[in-house]
Amino acid sequence: MSHTYKIIELVGSSPISSDEAIKNAIESASQSLHHLRWFQVVETRGHLEAGLIAHWQVTIKVGFTLDSD
């Protein structure tokens, strides 16, 4: 069986960690998208306040299979 995949780019955020930012993005996407299969981290960045990490932002690509007839 062959599959066709679609790839979208998302940005998750979290004040806790980069892993939590990824989880937040995937959890949000899974509410409206089906058949999520994989993700790839594209970019990690953060917001600093008073020299401390205040917020994480992680850009990911998410692949999912399209519904078949």
PDB file of N, CA and C in Angstrom:
ATOM      1  N   MET A   1       0.838  -1.174   0.000  1.00  0.00           N
ATOM      2  CA  MET A   1       0.000   0.000   0.000  1.00  0.00           C
ATOM      3  C   MET A   1       0.884   1.238   0.000  1.00  0.00           C
ATOM      4  N   SER A   2       0.571   2.183  -0.867  1.00  0.00           N
ATOM      5  CA  SER A   2       1.332   3.435  -0.912  1.00  0.00           C
ATOM      6  C   SER A   2       0.526   4.542  -0.241  1.00  0.00           C
ATOM      7  N   HIS A   3       1.222   5.539   0.213  1.00  0.00           N
ATOM      8  CA  HIS A   3       0.602   6.674   0.898  1.00  0.00           C
ATOM      9  C   HIS A   3       1.027   7.976   0.232  1.00  0.00           C
ATOM     10  N   THR A   4       0.171   8.963   0.347  1.00  0.00           N
ATOM     11  CA  THR A   4       0.521  10.327  -0.029  1.00  0.00           C
ATOM     12  C   THR A   4       0.544  11.142   1.254  1.00  0.00           C
ATOM     13  N   TYR A   5       1.615  11.881   1.444  1.00  0.00           N
ATOM     14  CA  TYR A   5       1.779  12.677   2.656  1.00  0.00           C
ATOM     15  C   TYR A   5       1.658  14.158   2.348  1.00  0.00           C
ATOM     16  N   LYS A   6       1.137  14.889   3.301  1.00  0.00           N
ATOM     17  CA  LYS A   6       1.118  16.347   3.242  1.00  0.00           C
ATOM     18  C   LYS A   6       1.987  16.824   4.394  1.00  0.00           C
ATOM     19  N   ILE A   7       2.719  17.905   4.178  1.00  0.00           N
ATOM     20  CA  ILE A   7       3.584  18.477   5.205  1.00  0.00           C
ATOM     21  C   ILE A   7       3.129  19.908   5.490  1.00  0.00           C
ATOM     22  N   ILE A   8       2.985  20.215   6.773  1.00  0.00           N
ATOM     23  CA  ILE A   8       2.660  21.579   7.177  1.00  0.00           C
ATOM     24  C   ILE A   8       3.718  22.055   8.177  1.00  0.00           C
ATOM     25  N   GLU A   9       3.820  23.357   8.322  1.00  0.00           N
ATOM     26  CA  GLU A   9       4.762  23.929   9.273  1.00  0.00           C
ATOM     27  C   GLU A   9       3.975  24.589  10.393  1.00  0.00           C
ATOM     28  N   LEU A  10       4.382  24.325  11.623  1.00  0.00           N
ATOM     29  CA  LEU A  10       3.722  24.856  12.810  1.00  0.00           C
ATOM     30  C   LEU A  10       4.756  25.480  13.741  1.00  0.00           C
ATOM     31  N   VAL A  11       4.312  26.388  14.592  1.00  0.00           N
ATOM     32  CA  VAL A  11       5.165  26.937  15.645  1.00  0.00           C
ATOM     33  C   VAL A  11       4.456  26.716  16.969  1.00  0.00           C
ATOM     34  N   GLY A  12       5.082  25.922  17.832  1.00  0.00           N
ATOM     35  CA  GLY A  12       4.550  25.709  19.175  1.00  0.00           C
ATOM     36  C   GLY A  12       5.305  26.589  20.153  1.00  0.00           C
ATOM     37  N   SER A  13       4.646  26.930  21.256  1.00  0.00           N
ATOM     38  CA  SER A  13       5.308  27.767  22.253  1.00  0.00           C
ATOM     39  C   SER A  13       5.017  27.238  23.655  1.00  0.00           C
ATOM     40  N   SER A  14       5.923  27.577  24.574  1.00  0.00           N
ATOM     41  CA  SER A  14       5.765  27.159  25.967  1.00  0.00           C
ATOM     42  C   SER A  14       6.719  27.950  26.850  1.00  0.00           C
ATOM     43  N   PRO A  15       6.281  28.298  28.048  1.00  0.00           N
ATOM     44  CA  PRO A  15       7.200  28.919  29.007  1.00  0.00           C
ATOM     45  C   PRO A  15       8.036  27.872  29.745  1.00  0.00           C
ATOM     46  N   ILE A  16       7.737  26.581  29.540  1.00  0.00           N
ATOM     47  CA  ILE A  16       8.368  25.507  30.304  1.00  0.00           C
ATOM     48  C   ILE A  16       9.623  24.958  29.626  1.00  0.00           C
ATOM     49  N   SER A  17       9.495  24.521  28.343  1.00  0.00           N
ATOM     50  CA  SER A  17      10.635  23.895  27.662  1.00  0.00           C
ATOM     51  C   SER A  17      10.381  23.818  26.162  1.00  0.00           C
ATOM     52  N   SER A  18      11.443  23.510  25.420  1.00  0.00           N
ATOM     53  CA  SER A  18      11.282  23.317  23.983  1.00  0.00           C
ATOM     54  C   SER A  18      10.479  22.055  23.697  1.00  0.00           C
ATOM     55  N   ASP A  19      10.669  21.009  24.486  1.00  0.00           N
ATOM     56  CA  ASP A  19       9.876  19.784  24.312  1.00  0.00           C
ATOM     57  C   ASP A  19       8.387  20.064  24.516  1.00  0.00           C
ATOM     58  N   GLU A  20       8.075  20.862  25.502  1.00  0.00           N
ATOM     59  CA  GLU A  20       6.676  21.216  25.771  1.00  0.00           C
ATOM     60  C   GLU A  20       6.105  22.039  24.621  1.00  0.00           C
ATOM     61  N   ALA A  21       6.910  22.896  24.021  1.00  0.00           N
ATOM     62  CA  ALA A  21       6.463  23.684  22.870  1.00  0.00           C
ATOM     63  C   ALA A  21       6.112  22.759  21.699  1.00  0.00           C
ATOM     64  N   ILE A  22       6.928  21.722  21.469  1.00  0.00           N
ATOM     65  CA  ILE A  22       6.643  20.743  20.417  1.00  0.00           C
ATOM     66  C   ILE A  22       5.350  20.009  20.728  1.00  0.00           C
ATOM     67  N   LYS A  23       5.206  19.541  21.952  1.00  0.00           N
ATOM     68  CA  LYS A  23       3.983  18.822  22.355  1.00  0.00           C
ATOM     69  C   LYS A  23       2.746  19.694  22.166  1.00  0.00           C
ATOM     70  N   ASN A  24       2.841  20.967  22.520  1.00  0.00           N
ATOM     71  CA  ASN A  24       1.698  21.881  22.364  1.00  0.00           C
ATOM     72  C   ASN A  24       1.294  22.023  20.903  1.00  0.00           C
ATOM     73  N   ALA A  25       2.271  22.140  20.018  1.00  0.00           N
ATOM     74  CA  ALA A  25       1.973  22.267  18.584  1.00  0.00           C
ATOM     75  C   ALA A  25       1.305  21.009  18.052  1.00  0.00           C
ATOM     76  N   ILE A  26       1.829  19.856  18.419  1.00  0.00           N
ATOM     77  CA  ILE A  26       1.267  18.594  17.933  1.00  0.00           C
ATOM     78  C   ILE A  26      -0.124  18.343  18.502  1.00  0.00           C
ATOM     79  N   GLU A  27      -0.320  18.620  19.783  1.00  0.00           N
ATOM     80  CA  GLU A  27      -1.643  18.442  20.387  1.00  0.00           C
ATOM     81  C   GLU A  27      -2.680  19.344  19.724  1.00  0.00           C
ATOM     82  N   SER A  28      -2.313  20.579  19.438  1.00  0.00           N
ATOM     83  CA  SER A  28      -3.245  21.493  18.763  1.00  0.00           C
ATOM     84  C   SER A  28      -3.567  21.007  17.357  1.00  0.00           C
ATOM     85  N   ALA A  29      -2.547  20.574  16.623  1.00  0.00           N
ATOM     86  CA  ALA A  29      -2.755  20.095  15.251  1.00  0.00           C
ATOM     87  C   ALA A  29      -3.629  18.848  15.231  1.00  0.00           C
ATOM     88  N   SER A  30      -3.455  17.970  16.208  1.00  0.00           N
ATOM     89  CA  SER A  30      -4.202  16.710  16.215  1.00  0.00           C
ATOM     90  C   SER A  30      -5.693  16.907  16.463  1.00  0.00           C
ATOM     91  N   GLN A  31      -6.094  18.086  16.908  1.00  0.00           N
ATOM     92  CA  GLN A  31      -7.517  18.366  17.116  1.00  0.00           C
ATOM     93  C   GLN A  31      -8.262  18.550  15.801  1.00  0.00           C
ATOM     94  N   SER A  32      -7.563  18.973  14.756  1.00  0.00           N
ATOM     95  CA  SER A  32      -8.232  19.198  13.468  1.00  0.00           C
ATOM     96  C   SER A  32      -7.651  18.385  12.317  1.00  0.00           C
ATOM     97  N   LEU A  33      -6.463  17.798  12.509  1.00  0.00           N
ATOM     98  CA  LEU A  33      -5.839  16.994  11.456  1.00  0.00           C
ATOM     99  C   LEU A  33      -5.823  15.526  11.886  1.00  0.00           C
ATOM    100  N   HIS A  34      -5.903  14.641  10.911  1.00  0.00           N
ATOM    101  CA  HIS A  34      -5.917  13.210  11.189  1.00  0.00           C
ATOM    102  C   HIS A  34      -4.671  12.554  10.599  1.00  0.00           C
ATOM    103  N   HIS A  35      -4.334  11.392  11.108  1.00  0.00           N
ATOM    104  CA  HIS A  35      -3.259  10.567  10.567  1.00  0.00           C
ATOM    105  C   HIS A  35      -1.886  11.243  10.641  1.00  0.00           C
ATOM    106  N   LEU A  36      -1.619  11.981  11.725  1.00  0.00           N
ATOM    107  CA  LEU A  36      -0.290  12.568  11.918  1.00  0.00           C
ATOM    108  C   LEU A  36       0.715  11.430  12.028  1.00  0.00           C
ATOM    109  N   ARG A  37       1.835  11.534  11.326  1.00  0.00           N
ATOM    110  CA  ARG A  37       2.799  10.435  11.273  1.00  0.00           C
ATOM    111  C   ARG A  37       4.182  10.785  11.822  1.00  0.00           C
ATOM    112  N   TRP A  38       4.644  12.000  11.625  1.00  0.00           N
ATOM    113  CA  TRP A  38       5.997  12.357  12.049  1.00  0.00           C
ATOM    114  C   TRP A  38       6.129  13.865  12.181  1.00  0.00           C
ATOM    115  N   PHE A  39       7.215  14.274  12.833  1.00  0.00           N
ATOM    116  CA  PHE A  39       7.546  15.706  12.891  1.00  0.00           C
ATOM    117  C   PHE A  39       9.052  15.868  12.783  1.00  0.00           C
ATOM    118  N   GLN A  40       9.454  17.054  12.367  1.00  0.00           N
ATOM    119  CA  GLN A  40      10.867  17.420  12.231  1.00  0.00           C
ATOM    120  C   GLN A  40      11.052  18.812  12.802  1.00  0.00           C
ATOM    121  N   VAL A  41      11.993  18.967  13.704  1.00  0.00           N
ATOM    122  CA  VAL A  41      12.288  20.286  14.272  1.00  0.00           C
ATOM    123  C   VAL A  41      13.074  21.086  13.240  1.00  0.00           C
ATOM    124  N   VAL A  42      12.564  22.267  12.912  1.00  0.00           N
ATOM    125  CA  VAL A  42      13.189  23.133  11.923  1.00  0.00           C
ATOM    126  C   VAL A  42      13.997  24.238  12.608  1.00  0.00           C
ATOM    127  N   GLU A  43      13.431  24.795  13.673  1.00  0.00           N
ATOM    128  CA  GLU A  43      14.097  25.924  14.338  1.00  0.00           C
ATOM    129  C   GLU A  43      13.649  25.980  15.796  1.00  0.00           C
ATOM    130  N   THR A  44      14.588  26.315  16.664  1.00  0.00           N
ATOM    131  CA  THR A  44      14.279  26.538  18.075  1.00  0.00           C
ATOM    132  C   THR A  44      14.766  27.929  18.440  1.00  0.00           C
ATOM    133  N   ARG A  45      13.902  28.673  19.088  1.00  0.00           N
ATOM    134  CA  ARG A  45      14.301  30.010  19.527  1.00  0.00           C
ATOM    135  C   ARG A  45      13.592  30.313  20.849  1.00  0.00           C
ATOM    136  N   GLY A  46      14.008  31.363  21.495  1.00  0.00           N
ATOM    137  CA  GLY A  46      13.406  31.702  22.776  1.00  0.00           C
ATOM    138  C   GLY A  46      13.384  33.185  23.024  1.00  0.00           C
ATOM    139  N   HIS A  47      12.589  33.555  23.998  1.00  0.00           N
ATOM    140  CA  HIS A  47      12.446  34.942  24.431  1.00  0.00           C
ATOM    141  C   HIS A  47      13.138  35.063  25.786  1.00  0.00           C
ATOM    142  N   LEU A  48      13.967  36.079  25.934  1.00  0.00           N
ATOM    143  CA  LEU A  48      14.690  36.292  27.180  1.00  0.00           C
ATOM    144  C   LEU A  48      14.144  37.491  27.936  1.00  0.00           C
ATOM    145  N   GLU A  49      14.101  37.350  29.246  1.00  0.00           N
ATOM    146  CA  GLU A  49      13.744  38.463  30.127  1.00  0.00           C
ATOM    147  C   GLU A  49      14.719  38.470  31.291  1.00  0.00           C
ATOM    148  N   ALA A  50      15.377  39.575  31.500  1.00  0.00           N
ATOM    149  CA  ALA A  50      16.365  39.732  32.577  1.00  0.00           C
ATOM    150  C   ALA A  50      17.431  38.647  32.519  1.00  0.00           C
ATOM    151  N   GLY A  51      17.827  38.282  31.295  1.00  0.00           N
ATOM    152  CA  GLY A  51      18.884  37.295  31.126  1.00  0.00           C
ATOM    153  C   GLY A  51      18.471  35.856  31.338  1.00  0.00           C
ATOM    154  N   LEU A  52      17.174  35.605  31.510  1.00  0.00           N
ATOM    155  CA  LEU A  52      16.664  34.247  31.715  1.00  0.00           C
ATOM    156  C   LEU A  52      15.701  33.866  30.603  1.00  0.00           C
ATOM    157  N   ILE A  53      15.627  32.567  30.329  1.00  0.00           N
ATOM    158  CA  ILE A  53      14.679  32.088  29.315  1.00  0.00           C
ATOM    159  C   ILE A  53      13.257  32.249  29.858  1.00  0.00           C
ATOM    160  N   ALA A  54      12.458  33.030  29.143  1.00  0.00           N
ATOM    161  CA  ALA A  54      11.083  33.277  29.559  1.00  0.00           C
ATOM    162  C   ALA A  54      10.082  32.473  28.737  1.00  0.00           C
ATOM    163  N   HIS A  55      10.463  32.144  27.507  1.00  0.00           N
ATOM    164  CA  HIS A  55       9.507  31.490  26.625  1.00  0.00           C
ATOM    165  C   HIS A  55      10.244  30.792  25.487  1.00  0.00           C
ATOM    166  N   TRP A  56       9.795  29.586  25.140  1.00  0.00           N
ATOM    167  CA  TRP A  56      10.352  28.820  24.024  1.00  0.00           C
ATOM    168  C   TRP A  56       9.408  28.865  22.837  1.00  0.00           C
ATOM    169  N   GLN A  57       9.972  28.921  21.644  1.00  0.00           N
ATOM    170  CA  GLN A  57       9.204  28.785  20.403  1.00  0.00           C
ATOM    171  C   GLN A  57       9.944  27.785  19.522  1.00  0.00           C
ATOM    172  N   VAL A  58       9.224  26.766  19.046  1.00  0.00           N
ATOM    173  CA  VAL A  58       9.838  25.738  18.211  1.00  0.00           C
ATOM    174  C   VAL A  58       9.033  25.600  16.925  1.00  0.00           C
ATOM    175  N   THR A  59       9.700  25.756  15.798  1.00  0.00           N
ATOM    176  CA  THR A  59       9.080  25.553  14.497  1.00  0.00           C
ATOM    177  C   THR A  59       9.298  24.100  14.102  1.00  0.00           C
ATOM    178  N   ILE A  60       8.192  23.429  13.727  1.00  0.00           N
ATOM    179  CA  ILE A  60       8.284  22.032  13.310  1.00  0.00           C
ATOM    180  C   ILE A  60       7.548  21.837  11.987  1.00  0.00           C
ATOM    181  N   LYS A  61       7.978  20.839  11.240  1.00  0.00           N
ATOM    182  CA  LYS A  61       7.232  20.365  10.087  1.00  0.00           C
ATOM    183  C   LYS A  61       6.544  19.086  10.529  1.00  0.00           C
ATOM    184  N   VAL A  62       5.262  18.949  10.210  1.00  0.00           N
ATOM    185  CA  VAL A  62       4.491  17.773  10.585  1.00  0.00           C
ATOM    186  C   VAL A  62       3.986  17.107   9.305  1.00  0.00           C
ATOM    187  N   GLY A  63       4.208  15.798   9.220  1.00  0.00           N
ATOM    188  CA  GLY A  63       3.730  15.039   8.073  1.00  0.00           C
ATOM    189  C   GLY A  63       2.539  14.188   8.460  1.00  0.00           C
ATOM    190  N   PHE A  64       1.564  14.129   7.570  1.00  0.00           N
ATOM    191  CA  PHE A  64       0.395  13.278   7.814  1.00  0.00           C
ATOM    192  C   PHE A  64      -0.092  12.706   6.491  1.00  0.00           C
ATOM    193  N   THR A  65      -0.757  11.569   6.580  1.00  0.00           N
ATOM    194  CA  THR A  65      -1.279  10.943   5.380  1.00  0.00           C
ATOM    195  C   THR A  65      -2.645  11.519   5.062  1.00  0.00           C
ATOM    196  N   LEU A  66      -2.928  11.634   3.789  1.00  0.00           N
ATOM    197  CA  LEU A  66      -4.230  12.117   3.334  1.00  0.00           C
ATOM    198  C   LEU A  66      -5.249  11.002   3.439  1.00  0.00           C
ATOM    199  N   ASP A  67      -6.508  11.357   3.681  1.00  0.00           N
ATOM    200  CA  ASP A  67      -7.582  10.374   3.722  1.00  0.00           C
ATOM    201  C   ASP A  67      -7.670   9.679   2.366  1.00  0.00           C
ATOM    202  N   SER A  68      -7.836   8.381   2.395  1.00  0.00           N
ATOM    203  CA  SER A  68      -8.003   7.656   1.125  1.00  0.00           C
ATOM    204  C   SER A  68      -9.485   7.399   0.901  1.00  0.00           C
ATOM    205  N   ASP A  69      -9.851   7.252  -0.361  1.00  0.00           N
ATOM    206  CA  ASP A  69     -11.259   7.038  -0.703  1.00  0.00           C
ATOM    207  C   ASP A  69     -11.757   5.702  -0.251  1.00  0.00           C
TER     208      ASP A  69
END
